[in-house]
């Protein structure tokens, strides 16, 4: 499964980083 989010102005996570549900990305 992959989740795709698009249309943002700025992303504040890095490739390979583990992200928690609810964390700002």
PDBML (XML) file of the C-alpha atoms, coordinates in Angstrom:
<?xml version="1.0" encoding="UTF-8" ?>
<PDBx:datablock datablockName="MODEL"
   xmlns:PDBx="http://pdbml.pdb.org/schema/pdbx-v50.xsd"
   xmlns:xsi="http://www.w3.org/2001/XMLSchema-instance"
   xsi:schemaLocation="http://pdbml.pdb.org/schema/pdbx-v50.xsd pdbx-v50.xsd">
   <PDBx:atom_siteCategory>
      <PDBx:atom_site id="1">
         <PDBx:B_iso_or_equiv>0.00</PDBx:B_iso_or_equiv>
         <PDBx:Cartn_x>0.000</PDBx:Cartn_x>
         <PDBx:Cartn_y>0.000</PDBx:Cartn_y>
         <PDBx:Cartn_z>0.000</PDBx:Cartn_z>
         <PDBx:auth_asym_id>A</PDBx:auth_asym_id>
         <PDBx:auth_atom_id>CA</PDBx:auth_atom_id>
         <PDBx:auth_comp_id>UNK</PDBx:auth_comp_id>
         <PDBx:auth_seq_id>1</PDBx:auth_seq_id>
         <PDBx:group_PDB>ATOM</PDBx:group_PDB>
         <PDBx:label_alt_id xsi:nil="true" />
         <PDBx:label_asym_id>A</PDBx:label_asym_id>
         <PDBx:label_atom_id>CA</PDBx:label_atom_id>
         <PDBx:label_comp_id>UNK</PDBx:label_comp_id>
         <PDBx:label_entity_id>1</PDBx:label_entity_id>
         <PDBx:label_seq_id>1</PDBx:label_seq_id>
         <PDBx:occupancy>1.00</PDBx:occupancy>
         <PDBx:pdbx_PDB_model_num>1</PDBx:pdbx_PDB_model_num>
         <PDBx:type_symbol>C</PDBx:type_symbol>
      </PDBx:atom_site>
      <PDBx:atom_site id="2">
         <PDBx:B_iso_or_equiv>0.00</PDBx:B_iso_or_equiv>
         <PDBx:Cartn_x>1.137</PDBx:Cartn_x>
         <PDBx:Cartn_y>3.533</PDBx:Cartn_y>
         <PDBx:Cartn_z>-0.826</PDBx:Cartn_z>
         <PDBx:auth_asym_id>A</PDBx:auth_asym_id>
         <PDBx:auth_atom_id>CA</PDBx:auth_atom_id>
         <PDBx:auth_comp_id>UNK</PDBx:auth_comp_id>
         <PDBx:auth_seq_id>2</PDBx:auth_seq_id>
         <PDBx:group_PDB>ATOM</PDBx:group_PDB>
         <PDBx:label_alt_id xsi:nil="true" />
         <PDBx:label_asym_id>A</PDBx:label_asym_id>
         <PDBx:label_atom_id>CA</PDBx:label_atom_id>
         <PDBx:label_comp_id>UNK</PDBx:label_comp_id>
         <PDBx:label_entity_id>1</PDBx:label_entity_id>
         <PDBx:label_seq_id>2</PDBx:label_seq_id>
         <PDBx:occupancy>1.00</PDBx:occupancy>
         <PDBx:pdbx_PDB_model_num>1</PDBx:pdbx_PDB_model_num>
         <PDBx:type_symbol>C</PDBx:type_symbol>
      </PDBx:atom_site>
      <PDBx:atom_site id="3">
         <PDBx:B_iso_or_equiv>0.00</PDBx:B_iso_or_equiv>
         <PDBx:Cartn_x>-0.477</PDBx:Cartn_x>
         <PDBx:Cartn_y>6.842</PDBx:Cartn_y>
         <PDBx:Cartn_z>0.145</PDBx:Cartn_z>
         <PDBx:auth_asym_id>A</PDBx:auth_asym_id>
         <PDBx:auth_atom_id>CA</PDBx:auth_atom_id>
         <PDBx:auth_comp_id>UNK</PDBx:auth_comp_id>
         <PDBx:auth_seq_id>3</PDBx:auth_seq_id>
         <PDBx:group_PDB>ATOM</PDBx:group_PDB>
         <PDBx:label_alt_id xsi:nil="true" />
         <PDBx:label_asym_id>A</PDBx:label_asym_id>
         <PDBx:label_atom_id>CA</PDBx:label_atom_id>
         <PDBx:label_comp_id>UNK</PDBx:label_comp_id>
         <PDBx:label_entity_id>1</PDBx:label_entity_id>
         <PDBx:label_seq_id>3</PDBx:label_seq_id>
         <PDBx:occupancy>1.00</PDBx:occupancy>
         <PDBx:pdbx_PDB_model_num>1</PDBx:pdbx_PDB_model_num>
         <PDBx:type_symbol>C</PDBx:type_symbol>
      </PDBx:atom_site>
      <PDBx:atom_site id="4">
         <PDBx:B_iso_or_equiv>0.00</PDBx:B_iso_or_equiv>
         <PDBx:Cartn_x>0.033</PDBx:Cartn_x>
         <PDBx:Cartn_y>9.749</PDBx:Cartn_y>
         <PDBx:Cartn_z>-2.260</PDBx:Cartn_z>
         <PDBx:auth_asym_id>A</PDBx:auth_asym_id>
         <PDBx:auth_atom_id>CA</PDBx:auth_atom_id>
         <PDBx:auth_comp_id>UNK</PDBx:auth_comp_id>
         <PDBx:auth_seq_id>4</PDBx:auth_seq_id>
         <PDBx:group_PDB>ATOM</PDBx:group_PDB>
         <PDBx:label_alt_id xsi:nil="true" />
         <PDBx:label_asym_id>A</PDBx:label_asym_id>
         <PDBx:label_atom_id>CA</PDBx:label_atom_id>
         <PDBx:label_comp_id>UNK</PDBx:label_comp_id>
         <PDBx:label_entity_id>1</PDBx:label_entity_id>
         <PDBx:label_seq_id>4</PDBx:label_seq_id>
         <PDBx:occupancy>1.00</PDBx:occupancy>
         <PDBx:pdbx_PDB_model_num>1</PDBx:pdbx_PDB_model_num>
         <PDBx:type_symbol>C</PDBx:type_symbol>
      </PDBx:atom_site>
      <PDBx:atom_site id="5">
         <PDBx:B_iso_or_equiv>0.00</PDBx:B_iso_or_equiv>
         <PDBx:Cartn_x>-0.465</PDBx:Cartn_x>
         <PDBx:Cartn_y>13.356</PDBx:Cartn_y>
         <PDBx:Cartn_z>-1.144</PDBx:Cartn_z>
         <PDBx:auth_asym_id>A</PDBx:auth_asym_id>
         <PDBx:auth_atom_id>CA</PDBx:auth_atom_id>
         <PDBx:auth_comp_id>UNK</PDBx:auth_comp_id>
         <PDBx:auth_seq_id>5</PDBx:auth_seq_id>
         <PDBx:group_PDB>ATOM</PDBx:group_PDB>
         <PDBx:label_alt_id xsi:nil="true" />
         <PDBx:label_asym_id>A</PDBx:label_asym_id>
         <PDBx:label_atom_id>CA</PDBx:label_atom_id>
         <PDBx:label_comp_id>UNK</PDBx:label_comp_id>
         <PDBx:label_entity_id>1</PDBx:label_entity_id>
         <PDBx:label_seq_id>5</PDBx:label_seq_id>
         <PDBx:occupancy>1.00</PDBx:occupancy>
         <PDBx:pdbx_PDB_model_num>1</PDBx:pdbx_PDB_model_num>
         <PDBx:type_symbol>C</PDBx:type_symbol>
      </PDBx:atom_site>
      <PDBx:atom_site id="6">
         <PDBx:B_iso_or_equiv>0.00</PDBx:B_iso_or_equiv>
         <PDBx:Cartn_x>-0.022</PDBx:Cartn_x>
         <PDBx:Cartn_y>16.123</PDBx:Cartn_y>
         <PDBx:Cartn_z>-3.720</PDBx:Cartn_z>
         <PDBx:auth_asym_id>A</PDBx:auth_asym_id>
         <PDBx:auth_atom_id>CA</PDBx:auth_atom_id>
         <PDBx:auth_comp_id>UNK</PDBx:auth_comp_id>
         <PDBx:auth_seq_id>6</PDBx:auth_seq_id>
         <PDBx:group_PDB>ATOM</PDBx:group_PDB>
         <PDBx:label_alt_id xsi:nil="true" />
         <PDBx:label_asym_id>A</PDBx:label_asym_id>
         <PDBx:label_atom_id>CA</PDBx:label_atom_id>
         <PDBx:label_comp_id>UNK</PDBx:label_comp_id>
         <PDBx:label_entity_id>1</PDBx:label_entity_id>
         <PDBx:label_seq_id>6</PDBx:label_seq_id>
         <PDBx:occupancy>1.00</PDBx:occupancy>
         <PDBx:pdbx_PDB_model_num>1</PDBx:pdbx_PDB_model_num>
         <PDBx:type_symbol>C</PDBx:type_symbol>
      </PDBx:atom_site>
      <PDBx:atom_site id="7">
         <PDBx:B_iso_or_equiv>0.00</PDBx:B_iso_or_equiv>
         <PDBx:Cartn_x>-0.632</PDBx:Cartn_x>
         <PDBx:Cartn_y>19.825</PDBx:Cartn_y>
         <PDBx:Cartn_z>-4.208</PDBx:Cartn_z>
         <PDBx:auth_asym_id>A</PDBx:auth_asym_id>
         <PDBx:auth_atom_id>CA</PDBx:auth_atom_id>
         <PDBx:auth_comp_id>UNK</PDBx:auth_comp_id>
         <PDBx:auth_seq_id>7</PDBx:auth_seq_id>
         <PDBx:group_PDB>ATOM</PDBx:group_PDB>
         <PDBx:label_alt_id xsi:nil="true" />
         <PDBx:label_asym_id>A</PDBx:label_asym_id>
         <PDBx:label_atom_id>CA</PDBx:label_atom_id>
         <PDBx:label_comp_id>UNK</PDBx:label_comp_id>
         <PDBx:label_entity_id>1</PDBx:label_entity_id>
         <PDBx:label_seq_id>7</PDBx:label_seq_id>
         <PDBx:occupancy>1.00</PDBx:occupancy>
         <PDBx:pdbx_PDB_model_num>1</PDBx:pdbx_PDB_model_num>
         <PDBx:type_symbol>C</PDBx:type_symbol>
      </PDBx:atom_site>
      <PDBx:atom_site id="8">
         <PDBx:B_iso_or_equiv>0.00</PDBx:B_iso_or_equiv>
         <PDBx:Cartn_x>1.211</PDBx:Cartn_x>
         <PDBx:Cartn_y>21.063</PDBx:Cartn_y>
         <PDBx:Cartn_z>-1.113</PDBx:Cartn_z>
         <PDBx:auth_asym_id>A</PDBx:auth_asym_id>
         <PDBx:auth_atom_id>CA</PDBx:auth_atom_id>
         <PDBx:auth_comp_id>UNK</PDBx:auth_comp_id>
         <PDBx:auth_seq_id>8</PDBx:auth_seq_id>
         <PDBx:group_PDB>ATOM</PDBx:group_PDB>
         <PDBx:label_alt_id xsi:nil="true" />
         <PDBx:label_asym_id>A</PDBx:label_asym_id>
         <PDBx:label_atom_id>CA</PDBx:label_atom_id>
         <PDBx:label_comp_id>UNK</PDBx:label_comp_id>
         <PDBx:label_entity_id>1</PDBx:label_entity_id>
         <PDBx:label_seq_id>8</PDBx:label_seq_id>
         <PDBx:occupancy>1.00</PDBx:occupancy>
         <PDBx:pdbx_PDB_model_num>1</PDBx:pdbx_PDB_model_num>
         <PDBx:type_symbol>C</PDBx:type_symbol>
      </PDBx:atom_site>
      <PDBx:atom_site id="9">
         <PDBx:B_iso_or_equiv>0.00</PDBx:B_iso_or_equiv>
         <PDBx:Cartn_x>3.416</PDBx:Cartn_x>
         <PDBx:Cartn_y>24.135</PDBx:Cartn_y>
         <PDBx:Cartn_z>-1.036</PDBx:Cartn_z>
         <PDBx:auth_asym_id>A</PDBx:auth_asym_id>
         <PDBx:auth_atom_id>CA</PDBx:auth_atom_id>
         <PDBx:auth_comp_id>UNK</PDBx:auth_comp_id>
         <PDBx:auth_seq_id>9</PDBx:auth_seq_id>
         <PDBx:group_PDB>ATOM</PDBx:group_PDB>
         <PDBx:label_alt_id xsi:nil="true" />
         <PDBx:label_asym_id>A</PDBx:label_asym_id>
         <PDBx:label_atom_id>CA</PDBx:label_atom_id>
         <PDBx:label_comp_id>UNK</PDBx:label_comp_id>
         <PDBx:label_entity_id>1</PDBx:label_entity_id>
         <PDBx:label_seq_id>9</PDBx:label_seq_id>
         <PDBx:occupancy>1.00</PDBx:occupancy>
         <PDBx:pdbx_PDB_model_num>1</PDBx:pdbx_PDB_model_num>
         <PDBx:type_symbol>C</PDBx:type_symbol>
      </PDBx:atom_site>
      <PDBx:atom_site id="10">
         <PDBx:B_iso_or_equiv>0.00</PDBx:B_iso_or_equiv>
         <PDBx:Cartn_x>6.101</PDBx:Cartn_x>
         <PDBx:Cartn_y>22.746</PDBx:Cartn_y>
         <PDBx:Cartn_z>1.288</PDBx:Cartn_z>
         <PDBx:auth_asym_id>A</PDBx:auth_asym_id>
         <PDBx:auth_atom_id>CA</PDBx:auth_atom_id>
         <PDBx:auth_comp_id>UNK</PDBx:auth_comp_id>
         <PDBx:auth_seq_id>10</PDBx:auth_seq_id>
         <PDBx:group_PDB>ATOM</PDBx:group_PDB>
         <PDBx:label_alt_id xsi:nil="true" />
         <PDBx:label_asym_id>A</PDBx:label_asym_id>
         <PDBx:label_atom_id>CA</PDBx:label_atom_id>
         <PDBx:label_comp_id>UNK</PDBx:label_comp_id>
         <PDBx:label_entity_id>1</PDBx:label_entity_id>
         <PDBx:label_seq_id>10</PDBx:label_seq_id>
         <PDBx:occupancy>1.00</PDBx:occupancy>
         <PDBx:pdbx_PDB_model_num>1</PDBx:pdbx_PDB_model_num>
         <PDBx:type_symbol>C</PDBx:type_symbol>
      </PDBx:atom_site>
      <PDBx:atom_site id="11">
         <PDBx:B_iso_or_equiv>0.00</PDBx:B_iso_or_equiv>
         <PDBx:Cartn_x>7.007</PDBx:Cartn_x>
         <PDBx:Cartn_y>19.245</PDBx:Cartn_y>
         <PDBx:Cartn_z>2.499</PDBx:Cartn_z>
         <PDBx:auth_asym_id>A</PDBx:auth_asym_id>
         <PDBx:auth_atom_id>CA</PDBx:auth_atom_id>
         <PDBx:auth_comp_id>UNK</PDBx:auth_comp_id>
         <PDBx:auth_seq_id>11</PDBx:auth_seq_id>
         <PDBx:group_PDB>ATOM</PDBx:group_PDB>
         <PDBx:label_alt_id xsi:nil="true" />
         <PDBx:label_asym_id>A</PDBx:label_asym_id>
         <PDBx:label_atom_id>CA</PDBx:label_atom_id>
         <PDBx:label_comp_id>UNK</PDBx:label_comp_id>
         <PDBx:label_entity_id>1</PDBx:label_entity_id>
         <PDBx:label_seq_id>11</PDBx:label_seq_id>
         <PDBx:occupancy>1.00</PDBx:occupancy>
         <PDBx:pdbx_PDB_model_num>1</PDBx:pdbx_PDB_model_num>
         <PDBx:type_symbol>C</PDBx:type_symbol>
      </PDBx:atom_site>
      <PDBx:atom_site id="12">
         <PDBx:B_iso_or_equiv>0.00</PDBx:B_iso_or_equiv>
         <PDBx:Cartn_x>8.798</PDBx:Cartn_x>
         <PDBx:Cartn_y>18.946</PDBx:Cartn_y>
         <PDBx:Cartn_z>5.840</PDBx:Cartn_z>
         <PDBx:auth_asym_id>A</PDBx:auth_asym_id>
         <PDBx:auth_atom_id>CA</PDBx:auth_atom_id>
         <PDBx:auth_comp_id>UNK</PDBx:auth_comp_id>
         <PDBx:auth_seq_id>12</PDBx:auth_seq_id>
         <PDBx:group_PDB>ATOM</PDBx:group_PDB>
         <PDBx:label_alt_id xsi:nil="true" />
         <PDBx:label_asym_id>A</PDBx:label_asym_id>
         <PDBx:label_atom_id>CA</PDBx:label_atom_id>
         <PDBx:label_comp_id>UNK</PDBx:label_comp_id>
         <PDBx:label_entity_id>1</PDBx:label_entity_id>
         <PDBx:label_seq_id>12</PDBx:label_seq_id>
         <PDBx:occupancy>1.00</PDBx:occupancy>
         <PDBx:pdbx_PDB_model_num>1</PDBx:pdbx_PDB_model_num>
         <PDBx:type_symbol>C</PDBx:type_symbol>
      </PDBx:atom_site>
      <PDBx:atom_site id="13">
         <PDBx:B_iso_or_equiv>0.00</PDBx:B_iso_or_equiv>
         <PDBx:Cartn_x>9.829</PDBx:Cartn_x>
         <PDBx:Cartn_y>15.265</PDBx:Cartn_y>
         <PDBx:Cartn_z>5.918</PDBx:Cartn_z>
         <PDBx:auth_asym_id>A</PDBx:auth_asym_id>
         <PDBx:auth_atom_id>CA</PDBx:auth_atom_id>
         <PDBx:auth_comp_id>UNK</PDBx:auth_comp_id>
         <PDBx:auth_seq_id>13</PDBx:auth_seq_id>
         <PDBx:group_PDB>ATOM</PDBx:group_PDB>
         <PDBx:label_alt_id xsi:nil="true" />
         <PDBx:label_asym_id>A</PDBx:label_asym_id>
         <PDBx:label_atom_id>CA</PDBx:label_atom_id>
         <PDBx:label_comp_id>UNK</PDBx:label_comp_id>
         <PDBx:label_entity_id>1</PDBx:label_entity_id>
         <PDBx:label_seq_id>13</PDBx:label_seq_id>
         <PDBx:occupancy>1.00</PDBx:occupancy>
         <PDBx:pdbx_PDB_model_num>1</PDBx:pdbx_PDB_model_num>
         <PDBx:type_symbol>C</PDBx:type_symbol>
      </PDBx:atom_site>
      <PDBx:atom_site id="14">
         <PDBx:B_iso_or_equiv>0.00</PDBx:B_iso_or_equiv>
         <PDBx:Cartn_x>12.761</PDBx:Cartn_x>
         <PDBx:Cartn_y>13.514</PDBx:Cartn_y>
         <PDBx:Cartn_z>4.232</PDBx:Cartn_z>
         <PDBx:auth_asym_id>A</PDBx:auth_asym_id>
         <PDBx:auth_atom_id>CA</PDBx:auth_atom_id>
         <PDBx:auth_comp_id>UNK</PDBx:auth_comp_id>
         <PDBx:auth_seq_id>14</PDBx:auth_seq_id>
         <PDBx:group_PDB>ATOM</PDBx:group_PDB>
         <PDBx:label_alt_id xsi:nil="true" />
         <PDBx:label_asym_id>A</PDBx:label_asym_id>
         <PDBx:label_atom_id>CA</PDBx:label_atom_id>
         <PDBx:label_comp_id>UNK</PDBx:label_comp_id>
         <PDBx:label_entity_id>1</PDBx:label_entity_id>
         <PDBx:label_seq_id>14</PDBx:label_seq_id>
         <PDBx:occupancy>1.00</PDBx:occupancy>
         <PDBx:pdbx_PDB_model_num>1</PDBx:pdbx_PDB_model_num>
         <PDBx:type_symbol>C</PDBx:type_symbol>
      </PDBx:atom_site>
      <PDBx:atom_site id="15">
         <PDBx:B_iso_or_equiv>0.00</PDBx:B_iso_or_equiv>
         <PDBx:Cartn_x>12.874</PDBx:Cartn_x>
         <PDBx:Cartn_y>10.453</PDBx:Cartn_y>
         <PDBx:Cartn_z>1.991</PDBx:Cartn_z>
         <PDBx:auth_asym_id>A</PDBx:auth_asym_id>
         <PDBx:auth_atom_id>CA</PDBx:auth_atom_id>
         <PDBx:auth_comp_id>UNK</PDBx:auth_comp_id>
         <PDBx:auth_seq_id>15</PDBx:auth_seq_id>
         <PDBx:group_PDB>ATOM</PDBx:group_PDB>
         <PDBx:label_alt_id xsi:nil="true" />
         <PDBx:label_asym_id>A</PDBx:label_asym_id>
         <PDBx:label_atom_id>CA</PDBx:label_atom_id>
         <PDBx:label_comp_id>UNK</PDBx:label_comp_id>
         <PDBx:label_entity_id>1</PDBx:label_entity_id>
         <PDBx:label_seq_id>15</PDBx:label_seq_id>
         <PDBx:occupancy>1.00</PDBx:occupancy>
         <PDBx:pdbx_PDB_model_num>1</PDBx:pdbx_PDB_model_num>
         <PDBx:type_symbol>C</PDBx:type_symbol>
      </PDBx:atom_site>
      <PDBx:atom_site id="16">
         <PDBx:B_iso_or_equiv>0.00</PDBx:B_iso_or_equiv>
         <PDBx:Cartn_x>13.286</PDBx:Cartn_x>
         <PDBx:Cartn_y>7.311</PDBx:Cartn_y>
         <PDBx:Cartn_z>4.068</PDBx:Cartn_z>
         <PDBx:auth_asym_id>A</PDBx:auth_asym_id>
         <PDBx:auth_atom_id>CA</PDBx:auth_atom_id>
         <PDBx:auth_comp_id>UNK</PDBx:auth_comp_id>
         <PDBx:auth_seq_id>16</PDBx:auth_seq_id>
         <PDBx:group_PDB>ATOM</PDBx:group_PDB>
         <PDBx:label_alt_id xsi:nil="true" />
         <PDBx:label_asym_id>A</PDBx:label_asym_id>
         <PDBx:label_atom_id>CA</PDBx:label_atom_id>
         <PDBx:label_comp_id>UNK</PDBx:label_comp_id>
         <PDBx:label_entity_id>1</PDBx:label_entity_id>
         <PDBx:label_seq_id>16</PDBx:label_seq_id>
         <PDBx:occupancy>1.00</PDBx:occupancy>
         <PDBx:pdbx_PDB_model_num>1</PDBx:pdbx_PDB_model_num>
         <PDBx:type_symbol>C</PDBx:type_symbol>
      </PDBx:atom_site>
      <PDBx:atom_site id="17">
         <PDBx:B_iso_or_equiv>0.00</PDBx:B_iso_or_equiv>
         <PDBx:Cartn_x>11.937</PDBx:Cartn_x>
         <PDBx:Cartn_y>8.935</PDBx:Cartn_y>
         <PDBx:Cartn_z>7.248</PDBx:Cartn_z>
         <PDBx:auth_asym_id>A</PDBx:auth_asym_id>
         <PDBx:auth_atom_id>CA</PDBx:auth_atom_id>
         <PDBx:auth_comp_id>UNK</PDBx:auth_comp_id>
         <PDBx:auth_seq_id>17</PDBx:auth_seq_id>
         <PDBx:group_PDB>ATOM</PDBx:group_PDB>
         <PDBx:label_alt_id xsi:nil="true" />
         <PDBx:label_asym_id>A</PDBx:label_asym_id>
         <PDBx:label_atom_id>CA</PDBx:label_atom_id>
         <PDBx:label_comp_id>UNK</PDBx:label_comp_id>
         <PDBx:label_entity_id>1</PDBx:label_entity_id>
         <PDBx:label_seq_id>17</PDBx:label_seq_id>
         <PDBx:occupancy>1.00</PDBx:occupancy>
         <PDBx:pdbx_PDB_model_num>1</PDBx:pdbx_PDB_model_num>
         <PDBx:type_symbol>C</PDBx:type_symbol>
      </PDBx:atom_site>
      <PDBx:atom_site id="18">
         <PDBx:B_iso_or_equiv>0.00</PDBx:B_iso_or_equiv>
         <PDBx:Cartn_x>9.427</PDBx:Cartn_x>
         <PDBx:Cartn_y>6.956</PDBx:Cartn_y>
         <PDBx:Cartn_z>9.339</PDBx:Cartn_z>
         <PDBx:auth_asym_id>A</PDBx:auth_asym_id>
         <PDBx:auth_atom_id>CA</PDBx:auth_atom_id>
         <PDBx:auth_comp_id>UNK</PDBx:auth_comp_id>
         <PDBx:auth_seq_id>18</PDBx:auth_seq_id>
         <PDBx:group_PDB>ATOM</PDBx:group_PDB>
         <PDBx:label_alt_id xsi:nil="true" />
         <PDBx:label_asym_id>A</PDBx:label_asym_id>
         <PDBx:label_atom_id>CA</PDBx:label_atom_id>
         <PDBx:label_comp_id>UNK</PDBx:label_comp_id>
         <PDBx:label_entity_id>1</PDBx:label_entity_id>
         <PDBx:label_seq_id>18</PDBx:label_seq_id>
         <PDBx:occupancy>1.00</PDBx:occupancy>
         <PDBx:pdbx_PDB_model_num>1</PDBx:pdbx_PDB_model_num>
         <PDBx:type_symbol>C</PDBx:type_symbol>
      </PDBx:atom_site>
      <PDBx:atom_site id="19">
         <PDBx:B_iso_or_equiv>0.00</PDBx:B_iso_or_equiv>
         <PDBx:Cartn_x>6.246</PDBx:Cartn_x>
         <PDBx:Cartn_y>8.977</PDBx:Cartn_y>
         <PDBx:Cartn_z>9.854</PDBx:Cartn_z>
         <PDBx:auth_asym_id>A</PDBx:auth_asym_id>
         <PDBx:auth_atom_id>CA</PDBx:auth_atom_id>
         <PDBx:auth_comp_id>UNK</PDBx:auth_comp_id>
         <PDBx:auth_seq_id>19</PDBx:auth_seq_id>
         <PDBx:group_PDB>ATOM</PDBx:group_PDB>
         <PDBx:label_alt_id xsi:nil="true" />
         <PDBx:label_asym_id>A</PDBx:label_asym_id>
         <PDBx:label_atom_id>CA</PDBx:label_atom_id>
         <PDBx:label_comp_id>UNK</PDBx:label_comp_id>
         <PDBx:label_entity_id>1</PDBx:label_entity_id>
         <PDBx:label_seq_id>19</PDBx:label_seq_id>
         <PDBx:occupancy>1.00</PDBx:occupancy>
         <PDBx:pdbx_PDB_model_num>1</PDBx:pdbx_PDB_model_num>
         <PDBx:type_symbol>C</PDBx:type_symbol>
      </PDBx:atom_site>
      <PDBx:atom_site id="20">
         <PDBx:B_iso_or_equiv>0.00</PDBx:B_iso_or_equiv>
         <PDBx:Cartn_x>3.579</PDBx:Cartn_x>
         <PDBx:Cartn_y>8.534</PDBx:Cartn_y>
         <PDBx:Cartn_z>12.503</PDBx:Cartn_z>
         <PDBx:auth_asym_id>A</PDBx:auth_asym_id>
         <PDBx:auth_atom_id>CA</PDBx:auth_atom_id>
         <PDBx:auth_comp_id>UNK</PDBx:auth_comp_id>
         <PDBx:auth_seq_id>20</PDBx:auth_seq_id>
         <PDBx:group_PDB>ATOM</PDBx:group_PDB>
         <PDBx:label_alt_id xsi:nil="true" />
         <PDBx:label_asym_id>A</PDBx:label_asym_id>
         <PDBx:label_atom_id>CA</PDBx:label_atom_id>
         <PDBx:label_comp_id>UNK</PDBx:label_comp_id>
         <PDBx:label_entity_id>1</PDBx:label_entity_id>
         <PDBx:label_seq_id>20</PDBx:label_seq_id>
         <PDBx:occupancy>1.00</PDBx:occupancy>
         <PDBx:pdbx_PDB_model_num>1</PDBx:pdbx_PDB_model_num>
         <PDBx:type_symbol>C</PDBx:type_symbol>
      </PDBx:atom_site>
      <PDBx:atom_site id="21">
         <PDBx:B_iso_or_equiv>0.00</PDBx:B_iso_or_equiv>
         <PDBx:Cartn_x>-0.123</PDBx:Cartn_x>
         <PDBx:Cartn_y>8.812</PDBx:Cartn_y>
         <PDBx:Cartn_z>11.731</PDBx:Cartn_z>
         <PDBx:auth_asym_id>A</PDBx:auth_asym_id>
         <PDBx:auth_atom_id>CA</PDBx:auth_atom_id>
         <PDBx:auth_comp_id>UNK</PDBx:auth_comp_id>
         <PDBx:auth_seq_id>21</PDBx:auth_seq_id>
         <PDBx:group_PDB>ATOM</PDBx:group_PDB>
         <PDBx:label_alt_id xsi:nil="true" />
         <PDBx:label_asym_id>A</PDBx:label_asym_id>
         <PDBx:label_atom_id>CA</PDBx:label_atom_id>
         <PDBx:label_comp_id>UNK</PDBx:label_comp_id>
         <PDBx:label_entity_id>1</PDBx:label_entity_id>
         <PDBx:label_seq_id>21</PDBx:label_seq_id>
         <PDBx:occupancy>1.00</PDBx:occupancy>
         <PDBx:pdbx_PDB_model_num>1</PDBx:pdbx_PDB_model_num>
         <PDBx:type_symbol>C</PDBx:type_symbol>
      </PDBx:atom_site>
      <PDBx:atom_site id="22">
         <PDBx:B_iso_or_equiv>0.00</PDBx:B_iso_or_equiv>
         <PDBx:Cartn_x>-1.171</PDBx:Cartn_x>
         <PDBx:Cartn_y>12.361</PDBx:Cartn_y>
         <PDBx:Cartn_z>12.574</PDBx:Cartn_z>
         <PDBx:auth_asym_id>A</PDBx:auth_asym_id>
         <PDBx:auth_atom_id>CA</PDBx:auth_atom_id>
         <PDBx:auth_comp_id>UNK</PDBx:auth_comp_id>
         <PDBx:auth_seq_id>22</PDBx:auth_seq_id>
         <PDBx:group_PDB>ATOM</PDBx:group_PDB>
         <PDBx:label_alt_id xsi:nil="true" />
         <PDBx:label_asym_id>A</PDBx:label_asym_id>
         <PDBx:label_atom_id>CA</PDBx:label_atom_id>
         <PDBx:label_comp_id>UNK</PDBx:label_comp_id>
         <PDBx:label_entity_id>1</PDBx:label_entity_id>
         <PDBx:label_seq_id>22</PDBx:label_seq_id>
         <PDBx:occupancy>1.00</PDBx:occupancy>
         <PDBx:pdbx_PDB_model_num>1</PDBx:pdbx_PDB_model_num>
         <PDBx:type_symbol>C</PDBx:type_symbol>
      </PDBx:atom_site>
      <PDBx:atom_site id="23">
         <PDBx:B_iso_or_equiv>0.00</PDBx:B_iso_or_equiv>
         <PDBx:Cartn_x>2.346</PDBx:Cartn_x>
         <PDBx:Cartn_y>13.777</PDBx:Cartn_y>
         <PDBx:Cartn_z>12.266</PDBx:Cartn_z>
         <PDBx:auth_asym_id>A</PDBx:auth_asym_id>
         <PDBx:auth_atom_id>CA</PDBx:auth_atom_id>
         <PDBx:auth_comp_id>UNK</PDBx:auth_comp_id>
         <PDBx:auth_seq_id>23</PDBx:auth_seq_id>
         <PDBx:group_PDB>ATOM</PDBx:group_PDB>
         <PDBx:label_alt_id xsi:nil="true" />
         <PDBx:label_asym_id>A</PDBx:label_asym_id>
         <PDBx:label_atom_id>CA</PDBx:label_atom_id>
         <PDBx:label_comp_id>UNK</PDBx:label_comp_id>
         <PDBx:label_entity_id>1</PDBx:label_entity_id>
         <PDBx:label_seq_id>23</PDBx:label_seq_id>
         <PDBx:occupancy>1.00</PDBx:occupancy>
         <PDBx:pdbx_PDB_model_num>1</PDBx:pdbx_PDB_model_num>
         <PDBx:type_symbol>C</PDBx:type_symbol>
      </PDBx:atom_site>
      <PDBx:atom_site id="24">
         <PDBx:B_iso_or_equiv>0.00</PDBx:B_iso_or_equiv>
         <PDBx:Cartn_x>2.649</PDBx:Cartn_x>
         <PDBx:Cartn_y>16.991</PDBx:Cartn_y>
         <PDBx:Cartn_z>10.190</PDBx:Cartn_z>
         <PDBx:auth_asym_id>A</PDBx:auth_asym_id>
         <PDBx:auth_atom_id>CA</PDBx:auth_atom_id>
         <PDBx:auth_comp_id>UNK</PDBx:auth_comp_id>
         <PDBx:auth_seq_id>24</PDBx:auth_seq_id>
         <PDBx:group_PDB>ATOM</PDBx:group_PDB>
         <PDBx:label_alt_id xsi:nil="true" />
         <PDBx:label_asym_id>A</PDBx:label_asym_id>
         <PDBx:label_atom_id>CA</PDBx:label_atom_id>
         <PDBx:label_comp_id>UNK</PDBx:label_comp_id>
         <PDBx:label_entity_id>1</PDBx:label_entity_id>
         <PDBx:label_seq_id>24</PDBx:label_seq_id>
         <PDBx:occupancy>1.00</PDBx:occupancy>
         <PDBx:pdbx_PDB_model_num>1</PDBx:pdbx_PDB_model_num>
         <PDBx:type_symbol>C</PDBx:type_symbol>
      </PDBx:atom_site>
      <PDBx:atom_site id="25">
         <PDBx:B_iso_or_equiv>0.00</PDBx:B_iso_or_equiv>
         <PDBx:Cartn_x>4.249</PDBx:Cartn_x>
         <PDBx:Cartn_y>16.268</PDBx:Cartn_y>
         <PDBx:Cartn_z>6.829</PDBx:Cartn_z>
         <PDBx:auth_asym_id>A</PDBx:auth_asym_id>
         <PDBx:auth_atom_id>CA</PDBx:auth_atom_id>
         <PDBx:auth_comp_id>UNK</PDBx:auth_comp_id>
         <PDBx:auth_seq_id>25</PDBx:auth_seq_id>
         <PDBx:group_PDB>ATOM</PDBx:group_PDB>
         <PDBx:label_alt_id xsi:nil="true" />
         <PDBx:label_asym_id>A</PDBx:label_asym_id>
         <PDBx:label_atom_id>CA</PDBx:label_atom_id>
         <PDBx:label_comp_id>UNK</PDBx:label_comp_id>
         <PDBx:label_entity_id>1</PDBx:label_entity_id>
         <PDBx:label_seq_id>25</PDBx:label_seq_id>
         <PDBx:occupancy>1.00</PDBx:occupancy>
         <PDBx:pdbx_PDB_model_num>1</PDBx:pdbx_PDB_model_num>
         <PDBx:type_symbol>C</PDBx:type_symbol>
      </PDBx:atom_site>
   </PDBx:atom_siteCategory>
</PDBx:datablock>
